Amino acid sequence: MEFSEVVRRRRMIRHSSDKPLSPEVIERILASALRAPSAGFSQGWAFLALTDPADRARFWPFVPTRVEQTPTMQDAPLVVVPLAHKATYLNRYAEPDKGWEDRAEARWPAPYWHIDTGMAALLMLLTAVDEGLGACFFGIMPEHLQPFREEFDVPEEYAPIGAITVGYRAEDVPPPSPRIAQRRRPAAEVIHRGHWGQHT
């Protein structure tokens, strides 16, 4: 699929079928995350991939709103939880070629550990589209993060930024609401050219 078509087709698909994914497809989706950019090539991320039905069943209690509002998401055969590891970045930038030996988080203009892990998540979403699949990124609410960590033995220093479902789009689902297209903000409203407030 042409890249422009992948971008055009990228949507959050919340209704999945339980049709299995081949191991090769799963590995391509996961491997694509490793191609994401990262500050200082720190690669301060990890990915919890849930493919076994029993493991996926253990995950869903930690996102009860998703289960209630879009229960067919549970049918997706792949769930990935991207995890950001801040210490990797602080340690990397304390190395001689960077020189921030104090490891001060205040030096960072933005939390790149979250940004880079988010870019890795986006690459998985785009790869899913390229494979003819649907995917959805959604959050894990704060009150569920610690129980989630305990259930899957995720170390405390790894921060889940959300979760991704990947699968074939379910059949016979309602079409997207026309309000989605109506709510899409036009480029002329959000792209400022040369100076804030200048759109042309």
C-alpha atoms as a PDB file:
ATOM      1  CA  MET A   1       0.000   0.000   0.000  1.00  0.00           C
ATOM      2  CA  GLU A   2       1.308   3.473  -0.818  1.00  0.00           C
ATOM      3  CA  PHE A   3       2.325   5.408   2.295  1.00  0.00           C
ATOM      4  CA  SER A   4      -0.099   8.230   1.511  1.00  0.00           C
ATOM      5  CA  GLU A   5      -2.902   5.669   1.418  1.00  0.00           C
ATOM      6  CA  VAL A   6      -1.803   4.174   4.740  1.00  0.00           C
ATOM      7  CA  VAL A   7      -1.995   7.644   6.329  1.00  0.00           C
ATOM      8  CA  ARG A   8      -5.358   8.371   4.704  1.00  0.00           C
ATOM      9  CA  ARG A   9      -6.860   5.092   5.931  1.00  0.00           C
ATOM     10  CA  ARG A  10      -5.505   5.331   9.472  1.00  0.00           C
ATOM     11  CA  ARG A  11      -8.470   5.308  11.868  1.00  0.00           C
ATOM     12  CA  MET A  12      -9.091   4.072  15.385  1.00  0.00           C
ATOM     13  CA  ILE A  13     -10.943   0.798  14.741  1.00  0.00           C
ATOM     14  CA  ARG A  14     -12.884  -0.175  17.862  1.00  0.00           C
ATOM     15  CA  HIS A  15     -14.743  -3.213  16.515  1.00  0.00           C
ATOM     16  CA  SER A  16     -12.594  -6.265  15.834  1.00  0.00           C
ATOM     17  CA  SER A  17     -13.300  -9.815  14.763  1.00  0.00           C
ATOM     18  CA  ASP A  18     -11.626 -12.786  16.419  1.00  0.00           C
ATOM     19  CA  LYS A  19     -10.038 -13.925  13.150  1.00  0.00           C
ATOM     20  CA  PRO A  20      -6.472 -14.889  14.077  1.00  0.00           C
ATOM     21  CA  LEU A  21      -3.385 -13.060  12.887  1.00  0.00           C
ATOM     22  CA  SER A  22      -0.463 -14.973  11.465  1.00  0.00           C
ATOM     23  CA  PRO A  23       2.677 -14.986  13.621  1.00  0.00           C
ATOM     24  CA  GLU A  24       4.531 -13.278  10.774  1.00  0.00           C
ATOM     25  CA  VAL A  25       2.101 -10.341  10.749  1.00  0.00           C
ATOM     26  CA  ILE A  26       2.324  -9.976  14.518  1.00  0.00           C
ATOM     27  CA  GLU A  27       6.122  -9.911  14.350  1.00  0.00           C
ATOM     28  CA  ARG A  28       6.102  -7.287  11.578  1.00  0.00           C
ATOM     29  CA  ILE A  29       3.830  -5.047  13.625  1.00  0.00           C
ATOM     30  CA  LEU A  30       5.976  -5.395  16.741  1.00  0.00           C
ATOM     31  CA  ALA A  31       9.244  -4.957  14.820  1.00  0.00           C
ATOM     32  CA  SER A  32       8.002  -1.720  13.274  1.00  0.00           C
ATOM     33  CA  ALA A  33       7.938  -0.115  16.731  1.00  0.00           C
ATOM     34  CA  LEU A  34      11.693  -0.566  16.976  1.00  0.00           C
ATOM     35  CA  ARG A  35      12.174   1.743  13.985  1.00  0.00           C
ATOM     36  CA  ALA A  36      10.740   4.750  15.816  1.00  0.00           C
ATOM     37  CA  PRO A  37      13.024   7.721  16.460  1.00  0.00           C
ATOM     38  CA  SER A  38      14.301   8.215  19.980  1.00  0.00           C
ATOM     39  CA  ALA A  39      16.272  11.031  21.601  1.00  0.00           C
ATOM     40  CA  GLY A  40      19.945  10.130  21.684  1.00  0.00           C
ATOM     41  CA  PHE A  41      18.947   6.760  20.227  1.00  0.00           C
ATOM     42  CA  SER A  42      18.040   5.934  23.826  1.00  0.00           C
ATOM     43  CA  GLN A  43      15.238   3.508  22.873  1.00  0.00           C
ATOM     44  CA  GLY A  44      13.747   3.820  26.336  1.00  0.00           C
ATOM     45  CA  TRP A  45      10.746   1.669  25.681  1.00  0.00           C
ATOM     46  CA  ALA A  46       9.383  -1.837  26.081  1.00  0.00           C
ATOM     47  CA  PHE A  47       6.278  -3.522  24.676  1.00  0.00           C
ATOM     48  CA  LEU A  48       4.053  -6.040  26.412  1.00  0.00           C
ATOM     49  CA  ALA A  49       2.496  -8.131  23.613  1.00  0.00           C
ATOM     50  CA  LEU A  50      -0.551 -10.196  24.539  1.00  0.00           C
ATOM     51  CA  THR A  51      -1.579 -12.829  22.004  1.00  0.00           C
ATOM     52  CA  ASP A  52      -2.686 -15.763  24.134  1.00  0.00           C
ATOM     53  CA  PRO A  53      -6.448 -15.541  24.817  1.00  0.00           C
ATOM     54  CA  ALA A  54      -5.880 -16.139  28.531  1.00  0.00           C
ATOM     55  CA  ASP A  55      -3.394 -13.269  28.739  1.00  0.00           C
ATOM     56  CA  ARG A  56      -5.712 -10.938  26.852  1.00  0.00           C
ATOM     57  CA  ALA A  57      -8.569 -11.897  29.186  1.00  0.00           C
ATOM     58  CA  ARG A  58      -6.370 -10.873  32.134  1.00  0.00           C
ATOM     59  CA  PHE A  59      -5.834  -7.458  30.527  1.00  0.00           C
ATOM     60  CA  TRP A  60      -9.417  -6.310  29.893  1.00  0.00           C
ATOM     61  CA  PRO A  61     -10.468  -5.754  33.541  1.00  0.00           C
ATOM     62  CA  PHE A  62      -7.995  -2.841  33.620  1.00  0.00           C
ATOM     63  CA  VAL A  63      -9.867  -0.920  30.902  1.00  0.00           C
ATOM     64  CA  PRO A  64     -13.502  -1.348  32.014  1.00  0.00           C
ATOM     65  CA  THR A  65     -14.752   1.694  30.096  1.00  0.00           C
ATOM     66  CA  ARG A  66     -13.512   0.220  26.827  1.00  0.00           C
ATOM     67  CA  VAL A  67     -15.143  -3.117  27.642  1.00  0.00           C
ATOM     68  CA  GLU A  68     -18.421  -1.414  28.442  1.00  0.00           C
ATOM     69  CA  GLN A  69     -18.507   0.978  25.489  1.00  0.00           C
ATOM     70  CA  THR A  70     -16.932  -1.175  22.759  1.00  0.00           C
ATOM     71  CA  PRO A  71     -17.008  -4.824  23.856  1.00  0.00           C
ATOM     72  CA  THR A  72     -15.910  -6.143  20.442  1.00  0.00           C
ATOM     73  CA  MET A  73     -12.459  -4.672  21.059  1.00  0.00           C
ATOM     74  CA  GLN A  74     -11.894  -7.727  23.235  1.00  0.00           C
ATOM     75  CA  ASP A  75     -12.030  -9.908  20.129  1.00  0.00           C
ATOM     76  CA  ALA A  76      -8.816  -8.399  18.734  1.00  0.00           C
ATOM     77  CA  PRO A  77      -6.157 -11.141  18.668  1.00  0.00           C
ATOM     78  CA  LEU A  78      -3.300  -8.783  19.541  1.00  0.00           C
ATOM     79  CA  VAL A  79      -3.020  -6.310  22.409  1.00  0.00           C
ATOM     80  CA  VAL A  80       0.190  -4.332  22.847  1.00  0.00           C
ATOM     81  CA  VAL A  81       0.972  -2.131  25.840  1.00  0.00           C
ATOM     82  CA  PRO A  82       3.801   0.322  25.038  1.00  0.00           C
ATOM     83  CA  LEU A  83       5.870   1.180  28.123  1.00  0.00           C
ATOM     84  CA  ALA A  84       8.118   4.218  28.539  1.00  0.00           C
ATOM     85  CA  HIS A  85      11.321   3.962  30.577  1.00  0.00           C
ATOM     86  CA  LYS A  86      12.450   7.404  31.741  1.00  0.00           C
ATOM     87  CA  ALA A  87      15.662   6.189  33.412  1.00  0.00           C
ATOM     88  CA  THR A  88      17.055   5.034  30.062  1.00  0.00           C
ATOM     89  CA  TYR A  89      16.926   8.641  28.827  1.00  0.00           C
ATOM     90  CA  LEU A  90      18.357  10.167  31.983  1.00  0.00           C
ATOM     91  CA  ASN A  91      21.211   7.639  31.914  1.00  0.00           C
ATOM     92  CA  ARG A  92      21.872   8.050  28.192  1.00  0.00           C
ATOM     93  CA  TYR A  93      22.140  11.829  28.484  1.00  0.00           C
ATOM     94  CA  ALA A  94      24.532  11.504  31.421  1.00  0.00           C
ATOM     95  CA  GLU A  95      27.028   9.794  29.106  1.00  0.00           C
ATOM     96  CA  PRO A  96      30.118  11.786  28.026  1.00  0.00           C
ATOM     97  CA  ASP A  97      28.829  12.729  24.570  1.00  0.00           C
ATOM     98  CA  LYS A  98      25.747  14.362  26.137  1.00  0.00           C
ATOM     99  CA  GLY A  99      27.128  15.497  29.477  1.00  0.00           C
ATOM    100  CA  TRP A 100      24.028  15.927  31.636  1.00  0.00           C
ATOM    101  CA  GLU A 101      25.705  14.119  34.499  1.00  0.00           C
ATOM    102  CA  ASP A 102      23.196  15.314  37.095  1.00  0.00           C
ATOM    103  CA  ARG A 103      20.457  13.290  35.317  1.00  0.00           C
ATOM    104  CA  ALA A 104      18.112  16.212  36.019  1.00  0.00           C
ATOM    105  CA  GLU A 105      14.670  15.720  34.537  1.00  0.00           C
ATOM    106  CA  ALA A 106      14.267  19.532  34.494  1.00  0.00           C
ATOM    107  CA  ARG A 107      16.741  19.716  31.588  1.00  0.00           C
ATOM    108  CA  TRP A 108      14.215  18.056  29.289  1.00  0.00           C
ATOM    109  CA  PRO A 109      11.882  20.455  27.446  1.00  0.00           C
ATOM    110  CA  ALA A 110       9.315  17.642  27.177  1.00  0.00           C
ATOM    111  CA  PRO A 111       9.137  14.032  28.445  1.00  0.00           C
ATOM    112  CA  TYR A 112      10.779  12.432  25.416  1.00  0.00           C
ATOM    113  CA  TRP A 113      10.405   8.960  26.936  1.00  0.00           C
ATOM    114  CA  HIS A 114       6.642   9.349  26.468  1.00  0.00           C
ATOM    115  CA  ILE A 115       6.940  11.071  23.091  1.00  0.00           C
ATOM    116  CA  ASP A 116       9.257   8.446  21.624  1.00  0.00           C
ATOM    117  CA  THR A 117       7.143   5.572  22.949  1.00  0.00           C
ATOM    118  CA  GLY A 118       4.107   7.276  21.415  1.00  0.00           C
ATOM    119  CA  MET A 119       5.883   7.437  18.057  1.00  0.00           C
ATOM    120  CA  ALA A 120       6.639   3.731  18.340  1.00  0.00           C
ATOM    121  CA  ALA A 121       2.939   3.147  18.990  1.00  0.00           C
ATOM    122  CA  LEU A 122       2.031   5.160  15.887  1.00  0.00           C
ATOM    123  CA  LEU A 123       4.341   3.031  13.751  1.00  0.00           C
ATOM    124  CA  MET A 124       2.473  -0.059  14.946  1.00  0.00           C
ATOM    125  CA  LEU A 125      -0.856   1.600  14.083  1.00  0.00           C
ATOM    126  CA  LEU A 126       0.390   2.450  10.588  1.00  0.00           C
ATOM    127  CA  THR A 127       1.847  -1.015  10.058  1.00  0.00           C
ATOM    128  CA  ALA A 128      -1.501  -2.538  10.989  1.00  0.00           C
ATOM    129  CA  VAL A 129      -3.161  -0.475   8.246  1.00  0.00           C
ATOM    130  CA  ASP A 130      -0.482  -1.540   5.764  1.00  0.00           C
ATOM    131  CA  GLU A 131      -1.262  -5.165   6.649  1.00  0.00           C
ATOM    132  CA  GLY A 132      -4.965  -4.620   5.928  1.00  0.00           C
ATOM    133  CA  LEU A 133      -5.885  -4.608   9.617  1.00  0.00           C
ATOM    134  CA  GLY A 134      -7.577  -2.275  12.050  1.00  0.00           C
ATOM    135  CA  ALA A 135      -5.988  -0.944  15.215  1.00  0.00           C
ATOM    136  CA  CYS A 136      -6.941   1.294  18.099  1.00  0.00           C
ATOM    137  CA  PHE A 137      -4.887   3.161  20.705  1.00  0.00           C
ATOM    138  CA  PHE A 138      -6.571   3.881  24.041  1.00  0.00           C
ATOM    139  CA  GLY A 139      -5.633   4.794  27.591  1.00  0.00           C
ATOM    140  CA  ILE A 140      -5.351   2.873  30.821  1.00  0.00           C
ATOM    141  CA  MET A 141      -6.771   5.084  33.562  1.00  0.00           C
ATOM    142  CA  PRO A 142      -4.499   6.027  36.492  1.00  0.00           C
ATOM    143  CA  GLU A 143      -6.431   4.008  39.055  1.00  0.00           C
ATOM    144  CA  HIS A 144      -5.809   0.841  37.030  1.00  0.00           C
ATOM    145  CA  LEU A 145      -2.089   1.289  36.350  1.00  0.00           C
ATOM    146  CA  GLN A 146      -0.737  -0.251  39.549  1.00  0.00           C
ATOM    147  CA  PRO A 147      -3.084  -3.270  39.464  1.00  0.00           C
ATOM    148  CA  PHE A 148      -2.134  -3.735  35.801  1.00  0.00           C
ATOM    149  CA  ARG A 149       1.568  -3.678  36.682  1.00  0.00           C
ATOM    150  CA  GLU A 150       1.046  -6.215  39.440  1.00  0.00           C
ATOM    151  CA  GLU A 151      -0.979  -8.547  37.229  1.00  0.00           C
ATOM    152  CA  PHE A 152       1.702  -8.633  34.514  1.00  0.00           C
ATOM    153  CA  ASP A 153       4.809  -8.128  36.711  1.00  0.00           C
ATOM    154  CA  VAL A 154       5.700  -4.872  34.950  1.00  0.00           C
ATOM    155  CA  PRO A 155       8.493  -3.093  36.861  1.00  0.00           C
ATOM    156  CA  GLU A 156       7.510   0.163  38.542  1.00  0.00           C
ATOM    157  CA  GLU A 157       9.941   2.212  36.460  1.00  0.00           C
ATOM    158  CA  TYR A 158       8.106   1.335  33.237  1.00  0.00           C
ATOM    159  CA  ALA A 159       5.150   3.627  32.526  1.00  0.00           C
ATOM    160  CA  PRO A 160       2.314   2.301  30.331  1.00  0.00           C
ATOM    161  CA  ILE A 161       1.296   5.072  27.930  1.00  0.00           C
ATOM    162  CA  GLY A 162      -1.828   3.216  26.792  1.00  0.00           C
ATOM    163  CA  ALA A 163      -2.668   0.082  24.848  1.00  0.00           C
ATOM    164  CA  ILE A 164      -3.188  -0.938  21.238  1.00  0.00           C
ATOM    165  CA  THR A 165      -5.549  -3.526  19.829  1.00  0.00           C
ATOM    166  CA  VAL A 166      -4.859  -5.013  16.397  1.00  0.00           C
ATOM    167  CA  GLY A 167      -7.133  -7.269  14.388  1.00  0.00           C
ATOM    168  CA  TYR A 168      -9.412  -7.605  11.427  1.00  0.00           C
ATOM    169  CA  ARG A 169     -12.264  -5.147  11.424  1.00  0.00           C
ATOM    170  CA  ALA A 170     -15.527  -6.725  12.533  1.00  0.00           C
ATOM    171  CA  GLU A 171     -18.249  -7.080   9.932  1.00  0.00           C
ATOM    172  CA  ASP A 172     -21.729  -5.601  10.295  1.00  0.00           C
ATOM    173  CA  VAL A 173     -20.657  -2.726  12.512  1.00  0.00           C
ATOM    174  CA  PRO A 174     -22.350   0.648  12.267  1.00  0.00           C
ATOM    175  CA  PRO A 175     -20.638   3.118   9.909  1.00  0.00           C
ATOM    176  CA  PRO A 176     -18.617   5.911  11.498  1.00  0.00           C
ATOM    177  CA  SER A 177     -20.629   8.881  12.620  1.00  0.00           C
ATOM    178  CA  PRO A 178     -20.654  11.741  10.080  1.00  0.00           C
ATOM    179  CA  ARG A 179     -19.814  13.969  13.033  1.00  0.00           C
ATOM    180  CA  ILE A 180     -16.239  12.642  12.872  1.00  0.00           C
ATOM    181  CA  ALA A 181     -15.654  14.274   9.487  1.00  0.00           C
ATOM    182  CA  GLN A 182     -17.440  17.404  10.646  1.00  0.00           C
ATOM    183  CA  ARG A 183     -15.188  17.638  13.691  1.00  0.00           C
ATOM    184  CA  ARG A 184     -11.923  17.280  11.760  1.00  0.00           C
ATOM    185  CA  ARG A 185     -10.193  20.618  12.105  1.00  0.00           C
ATOM    186  CA  PRO A 186      -9.100  22.051   8.744  1.00  0.00           C
ATOM    187  CA  ALA A 187      -5.445  22.713   7.983  1.00  0.00           C
ATOM    188  CA  ALA A 188      -6.204  26.404   7.601  1.00  0.00           C
ATOM    189  CA  GLU A 189      -7.233  26.487  11.255  1.00  0.00           C
ATOM    190  CA  VAL A 190      -4.323  24.634  12.838  1.00  0.00           C
ATOM    191  CA  ILE A 191      -1.327  25.334  10.565  1.00  0.00           C
ATOM    192  CA  HIS A 192       0.240  28.729  11.244  1.00  0.00           C
ATOM    193  CA  ARG A 193       2.522  29.919   8.447  1.00  0.00           C
ATOM    194  CA  GLY A 194       5.484  32.050   9.404  1.00  0.00           C
ATOM    195  CA  HIS A 195       3.741  33.670  12.380  1.00  0.00           C
ATOM    196  CA  TRP A 196       1.069  32.613  14.862  1.00  0.00           C
ATOM    197  CA  GLY A 197      -2.366  33.440  13.508  1.00  0.00           C
ATOM    198  CA  GLN A 198      -1.200  33.622   9.901  1.00  0.00           C
ATOM    199  CA  HIS A 199      -2.843  30.795   7.979  1.00  0.00           C
ATOM    200  CA  THR A 200      -2.218  31.671   4.333  1.00  0.00           C
END
